[in-house]
């Protein structure tokens, strides 16, 4: 029975697709918020840290363009790398002080950032898999 279950559930390409599409869709929601509400919040954080506010436009790459490419299965590893970089940048700007904290419900203080970080890391190493809108494996 166990071997039957294992055989039926042995779908690594489907697992890769579910991982990349689900996390990309969740990240895209963050990007959509930036599109509809602007970058003033990010610009303010950058300015408060002595960085130029034009860097805030990089959010569109990590939270809009990269997730769309991930969902489509185009340049998957590079897109995951951008998403990973976005999370490192977010941690450096807003999460460093919460790194060794626990929330009131027992969650890691930067858990939300690290879930995206580790998902992007896994996608970066796993690659696209079979499901993509593009057939050329070099562009997956």
C-alpha atoms as a PDB file:
ATOM      1  CA  UNK A   1       0.000   0.000   0.000  1.00  0.00           C
ATOM      2  CA  UNK A   2       2.800   2.413   0.881  1.00  0.00           C
ATOM      3  CA  UNK A   3       4.495   1.886  -2.468  1.00  0.00           C
ATOM      4  CA  UNK A   4       1.171   2.535  -4.237  1.00  0.00           C
ATOM      5  CA  UNK A   5       0.730   5.828  -2.377  1.00  0.00           C
ATOM      6  CA  UNK A   6       4.336   6.791  -3.111  1.00  0.00           C
ATOM      7  CA  UNK A   7       3.911   5.949  -6.803  1.00  0.00           C
ATOM      8  CA  UNK A   8       0.653   7.928  -7.074  1.00  0.00           C
ATOM      9  CA  UNK A   9       2.155  10.983  -5.369  1.00  0.00           C
ATOM     10  CA  UNK A  10       5.493  10.919  -7.212  1.00  0.00           C
ATOM     11  CA  UNK A  11       4.991  14.134  -9.202  1.00  0.00           C
ATOM     12  CA  UNK A  12       8.080  16.316  -8.667  1.00  0.00           C
ATOM     13  CA  UNK A  13       7.257  18.614 -11.595  1.00  0.00           C
ATOM     14  CA  UNK A  14       3.808  19.279 -10.176  1.00  0.00           C
ATOM     15  CA  UNK A  15       5.368  19.962  -6.762  1.00  0.00           C
ATOM     16  CA  UNK A  16       7.802  22.451  -8.322  1.00  0.00           C
ATOM     17  CA  UNK A  17       4.931  24.183 -10.088  1.00  0.00           C
ATOM     18  CA  UNK A  18       2.807  24.399  -6.926  1.00  0.00           C
ATOM     19  CA  UNK A  19       5.754  25.770  -4.927  1.00  0.00           C
ATOM     20  CA  UNK A  20       6.759  28.406  -7.460  1.00  0.00           C
ATOM     21  CA  UNK A  21       3.228  29.468  -8.439  1.00  0.00           C
ATOM     22  CA  UNK A  22       1.898  29.709  -4.882  1.00  0.00           C
ATOM     23  CA  UNK A  23       4.802  31.703  -3.459  1.00  0.00           C
ATOM     24  CA  UNK A  24       5.018  33.877  -6.557  1.00  0.00           C
ATOM     25  CA  UNK A  25       1.290  34.648  -6.322  1.00  0.00           C
ATOM     26  CA  UNK A  26       1.657  35.594  -2.649  1.00  0.00           C
ATOM     27  CA  UNK A  27       4.646  37.825  -3.432  1.00  0.00           C
ATOM     28  CA  UNK A  28       2.744  39.367  -6.328  1.00  0.00           C
ATOM     29  CA  UNK A  29       0.063  40.468  -3.865  1.00  0.00           C
ATOM     30  CA  UNK A  30       2.744  42.496  -2.049  1.00  0.00           C
ATOM     31  CA  UNK A  31       3.767  43.962  -5.407  1.00  0.00           C
ATOM     32  CA  UNK A  32       0.172  44.755  -6.311  1.00  0.00           C
ATOM     33  CA  UNK A  33      -0.087  46.729  -3.081  1.00  0.00           C
ATOM     34  CA  UNK A  34       2.943  48.775  -4.150  1.00  0.00           C
ATOM     35  CA  UNK A  35       1.402  49.349  -7.598  1.00  0.00           C
ATOM     36  CA  UNK A  36      -1.930  50.530  -6.204  1.00  0.00           C
ATOM     37  CA  UNK A  37      -0.671  52.429  -3.145  1.00  0.00           C
ATOM     38  CA  UNK A  38       2.722  53.635  -4.325  1.00  0.00           C
ATOM     39  CA  UNK A  39       6.234  53.351  -2.986  1.00  0.00           C
ATOM     40  CA  UNK A  40       6.166  56.138  -0.409  1.00  0.00           C
ATOM     41  CA  UNK A  41       6.407  53.691   2.502  1.00  0.00           C
ATOM     42  CA  UNK A  42       9.455  51.977   1.030  1.00  0.00           C
ATOM     43  CA  UNK A  43      10.988  55.327   0.047  1.00  0.00           C
ATOM     44  CA  UNK A  44      10.540  56.541   3.628  1.00  0.00           C
ATOM     45  CA  UNK A  45      12.301  53.475   5.043  1.00  0.00           C
ATOM     46  CA  UNK A  46      15.165  53.910   2.577  1.00  0.00           C
ATOM     47  CA  UNK A  47      15.488  57.605   3.376  1.00  0.00           C
ATOM     48  CA  UNK A  48      15.470  56.909   7.120  1.00  0.00           C
ATOM     49  CA  UNK A  49      18.371  54.518   6.558  1.00  0.00           C
ATOM     50  CA  UNK A  50      20.368  57.047   4.543  1.00  0.00           C
ATOM     51  CA  UNK A  51      19.740  55.371   1.193  1.00  0.00           C
ATOM     52  CA  UNK A  52      18.507  57.042  -1.997  1.00  0.00           C
ATOM     53  CA  UNK A  53      14.766  56.730  -2.508  1.00  0.00           C
ATOM     54  CA  UNK A  54      15.112  55.696  -6.175  1.00  0.00           C
ATOM     55  CA  UNK A  55      16.138  52.241  -4.916  1.00  0.00           C
ATOM     56  CA  UNK A  56      12.480  51.706  -4.027  1.00  0.00           C
ATOM     57  CA  UNK A  57      11.741  51.062  -7.716  1.00  0.00           C
ATOM     58  CA  UNK A  58      13.652  47.782  -7.347  1.00  0.00           C
ATOM     59  CA  UNK A  59      10.629  46.516  -5.419  1.00  0.00           C
ATOM     60  CA  UNK A  60       8.780  46.252  -8.716  1.00  0.00           C
ATOM     61  CA  UNK A  61      11.401  43.805  -9.993  1.00  0.00           C
ATOM     62  CA  UNK A  62      11.316  41.604  -6.885  1.00  0.00           C
ATOM     63  CA  UNK A  63       7.593  41.806  -6.128  1.00  0.00           C
ATOM     64  CA  UNK A  64       5.985  42.148  -9.569  1.00  0.00           C
ATOM     65  CA  UNK A  65       8.204  41.143 -12.505  1.00  0.00           C
ATOM     66  CA  UNK A  66       9.978  38.191 -10.852  1.00  0.00           C
ATOM     67  CA  UNK A  67       6.756  36.646  -9.483  1.00  0.00           C
ATOM     68  CA  UNK A  68       5.036  36.911 -12.874  1.00  0.00           C
ATOM     69  CA  UNK A  69       8.012  35.220 -14.522  1.00  0.00           C
ATOM     70  CA  UNK A  70       7.978  32.510 -11.826  1.00  0.00           C
ATOM     71  CA  UNK A  71       4.304  31.773 -12.376  1.00  0.00           C
ATOM     72  CA  UNK A  72       4.900  31.493 -16.114  1.00  0.00           C
ATOM     73  CA  UNK A  73       8.046  29.394 -15.658  1.00  0.00           C
ATOM     74  CA  UNK A  74      10.332  31.844 -17.453  1.00  0.00           C
ATOM     75  CA  UNK A  75      13.875  32.521 -16.163  1.00  0.00           C
ATOM     76  CA  UNK A  76      12.848  30.710 -13.000  1.00  0.00           C
ATOM     77  CA  UNK A  77      16.204  30.574 -11.208  1.00  0.00           C
ATOM     78  CA  UNK A  78      17.047  34.209 -11.953  1.00  0.00           C
ATOM     79  CA  UNK A  79      13.554  35.321 -10.916  1.00  0.00           C
ATOM     80  CA  UNK A  80      13.858  33.367  -7.671  1.00  0.00           C
ATOM     81  CA  UNK A  81      17.212  35.046  -7.082  1.00  0.00           C
ATOM     82  CA  UNK A  82      15.539  38.473  -7.412  1.00  0.00           C
ATOM     83  CA  UNK A  83      12.818  37.396  -4.986  1.00  0.00           C
ATOM     84  CA  UNK A  84      15.516  36.155  -2.596  1.00  0.00           C
ATOM     85  CA  UNK A  85      17.366  39.471  -2.860  1.00  0.00           C
ATOM     86  CA  UNK A  86      14.159  41.347  -2.173  1.00  0.00           C
ATOM     87  CA  UNK A  87      13.704  39.415   1.059  1.00  0.00           C
ATOM     88  CA  UNK A  88      17.310  40.003   2.151  1.00  0.00           C
ATOM     89  CA  UNK A  89      16.842  43.714   1.476  1.00  0.00           C
ATOM     90  CA  UNK A  90      13.542  43.737   3.405  1.00  0.00           C
ATOM     91  CA  UNK A  91      15.203  41.974   6.334  1.00  0.00           C
ATOM     92  CA  UNK A  92      18.112  44.411   6.386  1.00  0.00           C
ATOM     93  CA  UNK A  93      15.772  47.417   6.337  1.00  0.00           C
ATOM     94  CA  UNK A  94      13.004  46.259   8.655  1.00  0.00           C
ATOM     95  CA  UNK A  95      13.717  42.903  10.239  1.00  0.00           C
ATOM     96  CA  UNK A  96      17.204  42.865  11.736  1.00  0.00           C
ATOM     97  CA  UNK A  97      15.966  43.942  15.156  1.00  0.00           C
ATOM     98  CA  UNK A  98      13.310  41.194  15.074  1.00  0.00           C
ATOM     99  CA  UNK A  99      15.701  38.396  14.084  1.00  0.00           C
ATOM    100  CA  UNK A 100      16.027  36.941  17.579  1.00  0.00           C
ATOM    101  CA  UNK A 101      12.467  37.580  18.724  1.00  0.00           C
ATOM    102  CA  UNK A 102       9.325  35.511  19.040  1.00  0.00           C
ATOM    103  CA  UNK A 103       5.822  36.887  18.537  1.00  0.00           C
ATOM    104  CA  UNK A 104       2.982  36.593  21.038  1.00  0.00           C
ATOM    105  CA  UNK A 105       1.775  33.426  19.279  1.00  0.00           C
ATOM    106  CA  UNK A 106       5.195  31.763  19.243  1.00  0.00           C
ATOM    107  CA  UNK A 107       6.222  32.596  15.669  1.00  0.00           C
ATOM    108  CA  UNK A 108       9.707  33.732  14.732  1.00  0.00           C
ATOM    109  CA  UNK A 109       9.762  37.547  14.577  1.00  0.00           C
ATOM    110  CA  UNK A 110      10.787  37.492  10.908  1.00  0.00           C
ATOM    111  CA  UNK A 111       8.929  34.333   9.952  1.00  0.00           C
ATOM    112  CA  UNK A 112       6.957  35.955   7.127  1.00  0.00           C
ATOM    113  CA  UNK A 113      10.168  37.158   5.484  1.00  0.00           C
ATOM    114  CA  UNK A 114      11.970  33.877   5.976  1.00  0.00           C
ATOM    115  CA  UNK A 115       9.139  31.810   4.485  1.00  0.00           C
ATOM    116  CA  UNK A 116       9.511  33.820   1.263  1.00  0.00           C
ATOM    117  CA  UNK A 117      13.309  33.692   1.529  1.00  0.00           C
ATOM    118  CA  UNK A 118      13.468  29.904   1.877  1.00  0.00           C
ATOM    119  CA  UNK A 119      10.803  29.339  -0.787  1.00  0.00           C
ATOM    120  CA  UNK A 120      12.835  31.470  -3.196  1.00  0.00           C
ATOM    121  CA  UNK A 121      15.988  29.583  -2.223  1.00  0.00           C
ATOM    122  CA  UNK A 122      14.310  26.223  -2.860  1.00  0.00           C
ATOM    123  CA  UNK A 123      12.900  27.387  -6.205  1.00  0.00           C
ATOM    124  CA  UNK A 124      16.314  28.708  -7.187  1.00  0.00           C
ATOM    125  CA  UNK A 125      17.871  25.267  -6.657  1.00  0.00           C
ATOM    126  CA  UNK A 126      14.924  23.195  -7.945  1.00  0.00           C
ATOM    127  CA  UNK A 127      14.338  25.136 -11.131  1.00  0.00           C
ATOM    128  CA  UNK A 128      11.170  25.262 -13.159  1.00  0.00           C
ATOM    129  CA  UNK A 129      10.318  21.661 -13.836  1.00  0.00           C
ATOM    130  CA  UNK A 130       8.205  20.579 -16.782  1.00  0.00           C
ATOM    131  CA  UNK A 131       5.373  23.100 -16.441  1.00  0.00           C
ATOM    132  CA  UNK A 132       6.218  26.342 -18.205  1.00  0.00           C
ATOM    133  CA  UNK A 133       4.790  28.516 -20.948  1.00  0.00           C
ATOM    134  CA  UNK A 134       8.121  28.336 -22.753  1.00  0.00           C
ATOM    135  CA  UNK A 135       9.564  25.192 -24.302  1.00  0.00           C
ATOM    136  CA  UNK A 136      13.244  26.145 -24.456  1.00  0.00           C
ATOM    137  CA  UNK A 137      14.835  24.716 -21.269  1.00  0.00           C
ATOM    138  CA  UNK A 138      17.512  27.430 -21.281  1.00  0.00           C
ATOM    139  CA  UNK A 139      14.801  30.041 -20.683  1.00  0.00           C
ATOM    140  CA  UNK A 140      13.039  28.085 -17.962  1.00  0.00           C
END
